[in-house]
Amino acid sequence: MESQNRNNEVQKENLTIKNFISKFHNTPSDNVTVTFTNGCCYWFANILCERFSGEIMYDPIENHFVAGLNDRLFDITGDVTDVYNVVKWSEFTGDPVWRERLYRQCVLLE
């Protein structure tokens, strides 16, 4: 029973996450999707992680940041768990030059 209750809580929170994401799409021209999938994905992942206590994840093949929440992955388009193969950004150990470039371009937006 406790497992079922936890599952119901997680499903409810996942719906809350999706509803939160949908609030960013209330514009006549949905440029927010382009913004948060082409250059500012780190910052949308950060927003979700701050709001829902998650962890920023990174897909080095797709070069895309997402939020890890409740064993699911989310970006501006919604639940993308089946789309990306991620690592924790805090544990990403790629080439130091690559990581520094990612930090400058995606985090600092230089």
N, C-alpha and C. Protein backbone atom coordinates (compact mmCIF):
# COMPACT_ATOMS: atom_id res chain seq x y z
N MET A 1 0.83 -1.19 0.00
CA MET A 1 0.00 0.00 0.00
C MET A 1 0.87 1.26 0.00
N GLU A 2 1.94 1.23 0.80
CA GLU A 2 2.84 2.38 0.87
C GLU A 2 3.47 2.65 -0.50
N SER A 3 3.83 1.59 -1.20
CA SER A 3 4.41 1.73 -2.54
C SER A 3 3.41 2.36 -3.51
N GLN A 4 2.15 1.95 -3.42
CA GLN A 4 1.10 2.51 -4.27
C GLN A 4 0.88 3.99 -3.96
N ASN A 5 0.91 4.34 -2.68
CA ASN A 5 0.75 5.75 -2.30
C ASN A 5 1.90 6.59 -2.85
N ARG A 6 3.13 6.06 -2.74
CA ARG A 6 4.29 6.78 -3.26
C ARG A 6 4.16 6.94 -4.76
N ASN A 7 3.74 5.90 -5.45
CA ASN A 7 3.56 5.96 -6.91
C ASN A 7 2.51 7.01 -7.28
N ASN A 8 1.43 7.07 -6.53
CA ASN A 8 0.40 8.09 -6.78
C ASN A 8 0.95 9.50 -6.56
N GLU A 9 1.75 9.67 -5.50
CA GLU A 9 2.36 10.97 -5.24
C GLU A 9 3.30 11.38 -6.37
N VAL A 10 4.09 10.44 -6.86
CA VAL A 10 5.02 10.73 -7.95
C VAL A 10 4.26 11.08 -9.22
N GLN A 11 3.21 10.34 -9.52
CA GLN A 11 2.40 10.65 -10.71
C GLN A 11 1.77 12.04 -10.59
N LYS A 12 1.30 12.38 -9.39
CA LYS A 12 0.70 13.70 -9.17
C LYS A 12 1.76 14.79 -9.37
N GLU A 13 2.96 14.58 -8.83
CA GLU A 13 4.01 15.58 -8.99
C GLU A 13 4.44 15.69 -10.45
N ASN A 14 4.52 14.56 -11.16
CA ASN A 14 4.86 14.61 -12.59
C ASN A 14 3.83 15.43 -13.36
N LEU A 15 2.57 15.31 -13.02
CA LEU A 15 1.53 16.12 -13.66
C LEU A 15 1.72 17.59 -13.30
N THR A 16 2.09 17.88 -12.07
CA THR A 16 2.37 19.25 -11.65
C THR A 16 3.54 19.82 -12.46
N ILE A 17 4.57 19.00 -12.68
CA ILE A 17 5.72 19.43 -13.47
C ILE A 17 5.28 19.76 -14.90
N LYS A 18 4.49 18.90 -15.50
CA LYS A 18 4.02 19.12 -16.87
C LYS A 18 3.16 20.39 -16.95
N ASN A 19 2.32 20.61 -15.94
CA ASN A 19 1.49 21.82 -15.92
C ASN A 19 2.36 23.06 -15.78
N PHE A 20 3.40 22.99 -14.96
CA PHE A 20 4.33 24.11 -14.80
C PHE A 20 4.99 24.42 -16.15
N ILE A 21 5.46 23.40 -16.84
CA ILE A 21 6.09 23.59 -18.16
C ILE A 21 5.12 24.25 -19.13
N SER A 22 3.85 23.83 -19.09
CA SER A 22 2.87 24.36 -20.04
C SER A 22 2.66 25.86 -19.87
N LYS A 23 2.94 26.40 -18.69
CA LYS A 23 2.77 27.84 -18.46
C LYS A 23 3.74 28.67 -19.29
N PHE A 24 4.84 28.09 -19.74
CA PHE A 24 5.80 28.79 -20.58
C PHE A 24 5.35 28.86 -22.03
N HIS A 25 4.28 28.17 -22.37
CA HIS A 25 3.81 28.10 -23.75
C HIS A 25 2.57 28.95 -24.00
N ASN A 26 2.28 29.88 -23.15
CA ASN A 26 1.07 30.70 -23.29
C ASN A 26 1.31 31.96 -24.11
N THR A 27 2.01 31.83 -25.21
CA THR A 27 2.26 32.97 -26.08
C THR A 27 1.76 32.64 -27.47
N PRO A 28 1.32 33.66 -28.23
CA PRO A 28 0.83 33.41 -29.58
C PRO A 28 1.86 32.72 -30.48
N SER A 29 3.10 33.18 -30.43
CA SER A 29 4.14 32.48 -31.17
C SER A 29 5.06 31.85 -30.14
N ASP A 30 5.17 30.57 -30.19
CA ASP A 30 5.83 29.82 -29.13
C ASP A 30 7.35 29.82 -29.29
N ASN A 31 7.96 31.01 -29.26
CA ASN A 31 9.41 31.12 -29.36
C ASN A 31 10.13 30.58 -28.14
N VAL A 32 9.41 30.39 -27.04
CA VAL A 32 10.03 29.90 -25.83
C VAL A 32 10.60 28.49 -26.05
N THR A 33 9.94 27.68 -26.84
CA THR A 33 10.46 26.33 -27.12
C THR A 33 11.78 26.42 -27.85
N VAL A 34 11.86 27.27 -28.83
CA VAL A 34 13.11 27.45 -29.58
C VAL A 34 14.20 27.95 -28.64
N THR A 35 13.88 28.92 -27.82
CA THR A 35 14.86 29.48 -26.89
C THR A 35 15.41 28.42 -25.95
N PHE A 36 14.52 27.62 -25.36
CA PHE A 36 14.96 26.66 -24.35
C PHE A 36 15.39 25.31 -24.92
N THR A 37 15.39 25.16 -26.24
CA THR A 37 15.96 23.95 -26.84
C THR A 37 17.19 24.27 -27.68
N ASN A 38 17.46 25.53 -27.91
CA ASN A 38 18.60 25.93 -28.75
C ASN A 38 19.43 27.00 -28.05
N GLY A 39 20.13 26.60 -27.02
CA GLY A 39 21.05 27.53 -26.39
C GLY A 39 20.78 27.83 -24.94
N CYS A 40 19.55 27.72 -24.50
CA CYS A 40 19.24 28.02 -23.09
C CYS A 40 18.66 26.81 -22.36
N CYS A 41 18.92 25.62 -22.88
CA CYS A 41 18.36 24.41 -22.25
C CYS A 41 18.88 24.22 -20.83
N TYR A 42 20.13 24.62 -20.59
CA TYR A 42 20.67 24.51 -19.23
C TYR A 42 19.80 25.32 -18.26
N TRP A 43 19.41 26.50 -18.67
CA TRP A 43 18.67 27.38 -17.77
C TRP A 43 17.26 26.90 -17.51
N PHE A 44 16.64 26.28 -18.50
CA PHE A 44 15.30 25.73 -18.23
C PHE A 44 15.43 24.52 -17.30
N ALA A 45 16.45 23.70 -17.52
CA ALA A 45 16.69 22.57 -16.60
C ALA A 45 16.91 23.10 -15.19
N ASN A 46 17.65 24.18 -15.07
CA ASN A 46 17.91 24.79 -13.77
C ASN A 46 16.61 25.27 -13.11
N ILE A 47 15.76 25.91 -13.89
CA ILE A 47 14.47 26.38 -13.37
C ILE A 47 13.68 25.20 -12.81
N LEU A 48 13.57 24.12 -13.59
CA LEU A 48 12.81 22.95 -13.14
C LEU A 48 13.43 22.34 -11.88
N CYS A 49 14.75 22.24 -11.87
CA CYS A 49 15.42 21.63 -10.72
C CYS A 49 15.25 22.46 -9.45
N GLU A 50 15.29 23.77 -9.59
CA GLU A 50 15.05 24.64 -8.43
C GLU A 50 13.61 24.52 -7.94
N ARG A 51 12.69 24.49 -8.87
CA ARG A 51 11.26 24.45 -8.52
C ARG A 51 10.83 23.10 -7.95
N PHE A 52 11.39 22.00 -8.49
CA PHE A 52 10.93 20.66 -8.13
C PHE A 52 12.01 19.79 -7.49
N SER A 53 13.09 20.40 -7.03
CA SER A 53 14.17 19.68 -6.34
C SER A 53 14.71 18.51 -7.16
N GLY A 54 15.24 18.85 -8.33
CA GLY A 54 15.82 17.83 -9.19
C GLY A 54 17.30 18.01 -9.39
N GLU A 55 17.81 17.37 -10.41
CA GLU A 55 19.23 17.44 -10.71
C GLU A 55 19.41 17.70 -12.21
N ILE A 56 20.32 18.59 -12.54
CA ILE A 56 20.60 18.89 -13.95
C ILE A 56 21.36 17.72 -14.55
N MET A 57 20.86 17.26 -15.68
CA MET A 57 21.44 16.14 -16.41
C MET A 57 21.91 16.63 -17.78
N TYR A 58 22.88 15.92 -18.36
CA TYR A 58 23.44 16.35 -19.64
C TYR A 58 23.58 15.16 -20.57
N ASP A 59 23.16 15.34 -21.82
CA ASP A 59 23.36 14.33 -22.86
C ASP A 59 24.51 14.80 -23.75
N PRO A 60 25.69 14.18 -23.63
CA PRO A 60 26.85 14.65 -24.39
C PRO A 60 26.74 14.39 -25.89
N ILE A 61 25.95 13.42 -26.30
CA ILE A 61 25.77 13.15 -27.74
C ILE A 61 24.89 14.21 -28.38
N GLU A 62 23.78 14.52 -27.73
CA GLU A 62 22.83 15.51 -28.25
C GLU A 62 23.18 16.93 -27.81
N ASN A 63 24.14 17.06 -26.88
CA ASN A 63 24.52 18.35 -26.34
C ASN A 63 23.29 19.09 -25.81
N HIS A 64 22.61 18.45 -24.87
CA HIS A 64 21.35 18.99 -24.36
C HIS A 64 21.25 18.76 -22.86
N PHE A 65 20.83 19.79 -22.15
CA PHE A 65 20.60 19.71 -20.71
C PHE A 65 19.12 19.48 -20.44
N VAL A 66 18.84 18.64 -19.46
CA VAL A 66 17.47 18.36 -19.03
C VAL A 66 17.44 18.29 -17.51
N ALA A 67 16.25 18.26 -16.96
CA ALA A 67 16.08 18.13 -15.51
C ALA A 67 15.73 16.69 -15.18
N GLY A 68 16.45 16.13 -14.22
CA GLY A 68 16.12 14.81 -13.71
C GLY A 68 15.22 14.96 -12.50
N LEU A 69 13.97 14.50 -12.64
CA LEU A 69 12.97 14.64 -11.58
C LEU A 69 12.17 13.35 -11.47
N ASN A 70 12.10 12.78 -10.29
CA ASN A 70 11.30 11.56 -10.06
C ASN A 70 11.65 10.44 -11.04
N ASP A 71 12.93 10.23 -11.27
CA ASP A 71 13.40 9.19 -12.20
C ASP A 71 12.90 9.40 -13.62
N ARG A 72 12.57 10.63 -13.98
CA ARG A 72 12.15 11.00 -15.34
C ARG A 72 13.01 12.17 -15.78
N LEU A 73 13.01 12.45 -17.06
CA LEU A 73 13.74 13.59 -17.61
C LEU A 73 12.75 14.55 -18.24
N PHE A 74 12.95 15.85 -18.00
CA PHE A 74 12.06 16.88 -18.52
C PHE A 74 12.86 18.02 -19.13
N ASP A 75 12.34 18.57 -20.23
CA ASP A 75 12.82 19.84 -20.77
C ASP A 75 11.61 20.66 -21.14
N ILE A 76 11.79 21.73 -21.87
CA ILE A 76 10.67 22.62 -22.22
C ILE A 76 9.56 21.91 -23.00
N THR A 77 9.89 20.81 -23.64
CA THR A 77 8.88 20.09 -24.44
C THR A 77 8.09 19.09 -23.62
N GLY A 78 8.49 18.87 -22.36
CA GLY A 78 7.77 17.93 -21.50
C GLY A 78 8.66 16.77 -21.07
N ASP A 79 8.05 15.60 -20.93
CA ASP A 79 8.77 14.40 -20.49
C ASP A 79 9.57 13.85 -21.67
N VAL A 80 10.90 13.83 -21.52
CA VAL A 80 11.80 13.39 -22.60
C VAL A 80 12.65 12.20 -22.15
N THR A 81 12.13 11.44 -21.21
CA THR A 81 12.87 10.32 -20.64
C THR A 81 13.36 9.35 -21.71
N ASP A 82 12.55 9.08 -22.70
CA ASP A 82 12.93 8.10 -23.73
C ASP A 82 13.74 8.70 -24.86
N VAL A 83 14.06 9.98 -24.78
CA VAL A 83 14.74 10.67 -25.88
C VAL A 83 16.24 10.78 -25.64
N TYR A 84 16.64 11.00 -24.40
CA TYR A 84 18.04 11.33 -24.12
C TYR A 84 18.73 10.27 -23.27
N ASN A 85 20.04 10.16 -23.46
CA ASN A 85 20.90 9.28 -22.69
C ASN A 85 21.84 10.19 -21.90
N VAL A 86 21.55 10.39 -20.63
CA VAL A 86 22.17 11.46 -19.86
C VAL A 86 23.13 10.97 -18.79
N VAL A 87 23.93 11.91 -18.34
CA VAL A 87 24.76 11.76 -17.15
C VAL A 87 24.47 12.96 -16.26
N LYS A 88 24.75 12.82 -14.98
CA LYS A 88 24.60 13.96 -14.08
C LYS A 88 25.62 15.02 -14.49
N TRP A 89 25.16 16.25 -14.64
CA TRP A 89 26.07 17.34 -15.02
C TRP A 89 27.16 17.49 -13.96
N SER A 90 26.81 17.32 -12.72
CA SER A 90 27.79 17.47 -11.63
C SER A 90 28.88 16.39 -11.68
N GLU A 91 28.63 15.31 -12.40
CA GLU A 91 29.59 14.21 -12.49
C GLU A 91 30.17 14.06 -13.90
N PHE A 92 29.81 14.97 -14.79
CA PHE A 92 30.29 14.88 -16.17
C PHE A 92 31.80 15.05 -16.20
N THR A 93 32.49 14.08 -16.77
CA THR A 93 33.95 14.09 -16.76
C THR A 93 34.51 14.10 -18.18
N GLY A 94 33.81 14.71 -19.09
CA GLY A 94 34.32 14.82 -20.45
C GLY A 94 35.63 15.59 -20.49
N ASP A 95 36.18 15.68 -21.64
CA ASP A 95 37.41 16.43 -21.85
C ASP A 95 37.31 17.80 -21.16
N PRO A 96 38.31 18.20 -20.39
CA PRO A 96 38.25 19.47 -19.66
C PRO A 96 38.02 20.69 -20.55
N VAL A 97 38.59 20.68 -21.74
CA VAL A 97 38.39 21.80 -22.67
C VAL A 97 36.93 21.83 -23.12
N TRP A 98 36.36 20.65 -23.40
CA TRP A 98 34.96 20.53 -23.80
C TRP A 98 34.05 21.03 -22.66
N ARG A 99 34.32 20.58 -21.45
CA ARG A 99 33.48 20.98 -20.31
C ARG A 99 33.56 22.50 -20.09
N GLU A 100 34.75 23.07 -20.21
CA GLU A 100 34.91 24.52 -20.05
C GLU A 100 34.14 25.27 -21.14
N ARG A 101 34.20 24.78 -22.37
CA ARG A 101 33.46 25.40 -23.48
C ARG A 101 31.95 25.32 -23.22
N LEU A 102 31.48 24.16 -22.77
CA LEU A 102 30.06 24.00 -22.43
C LEU A 102 29.65 24.99 -21.34
N TYR A 103 30.50 25.09 -20.34
CA TYR A 103 30.20 26.01 -19.24
C TYR A 103 30.09 27.45 -19.75
N ARG A 104 31.06 27.87 -20.56
CA ARG A 104 31.03 29.24 -21.08
C ARG A 104 29.83 29.47 -21.98
N GLN A 105 29.56 28.54 -22.88
CA GLN A 105 28.51 28.75 -23.88
C GLN A 105 27.09 28.49 -23.34
N CYS A 106 26.95 27.47 -22.51
CA CYS A 106 25.60 27.08 -22.08
C CYS A 106 25.18 27.63 -20.72
N VAL A 107 26.14 27.80 -19.84
CA VAL A 107 25.83 28.31 -18.50
C VAL A 107 26.00 29.81 -18.43
N LEU A 108 27.17 30.27 -18.84
CA LEU A 108 27.43 31.72 -18.81
C LEU A 108 26.81 32.45 -20.01
N LEU A 109 26.48 31.70 -21.05
CA LEU A 109 25.89 32.25 -22.28
C LEU A 109 26.82 33.30 -22.92
N GLU A 110 28.10 33.01 -22.95
CA GLU A 110 29.06 33.93 -23.58
C GLU A 110 29.09 33.72 -25.08
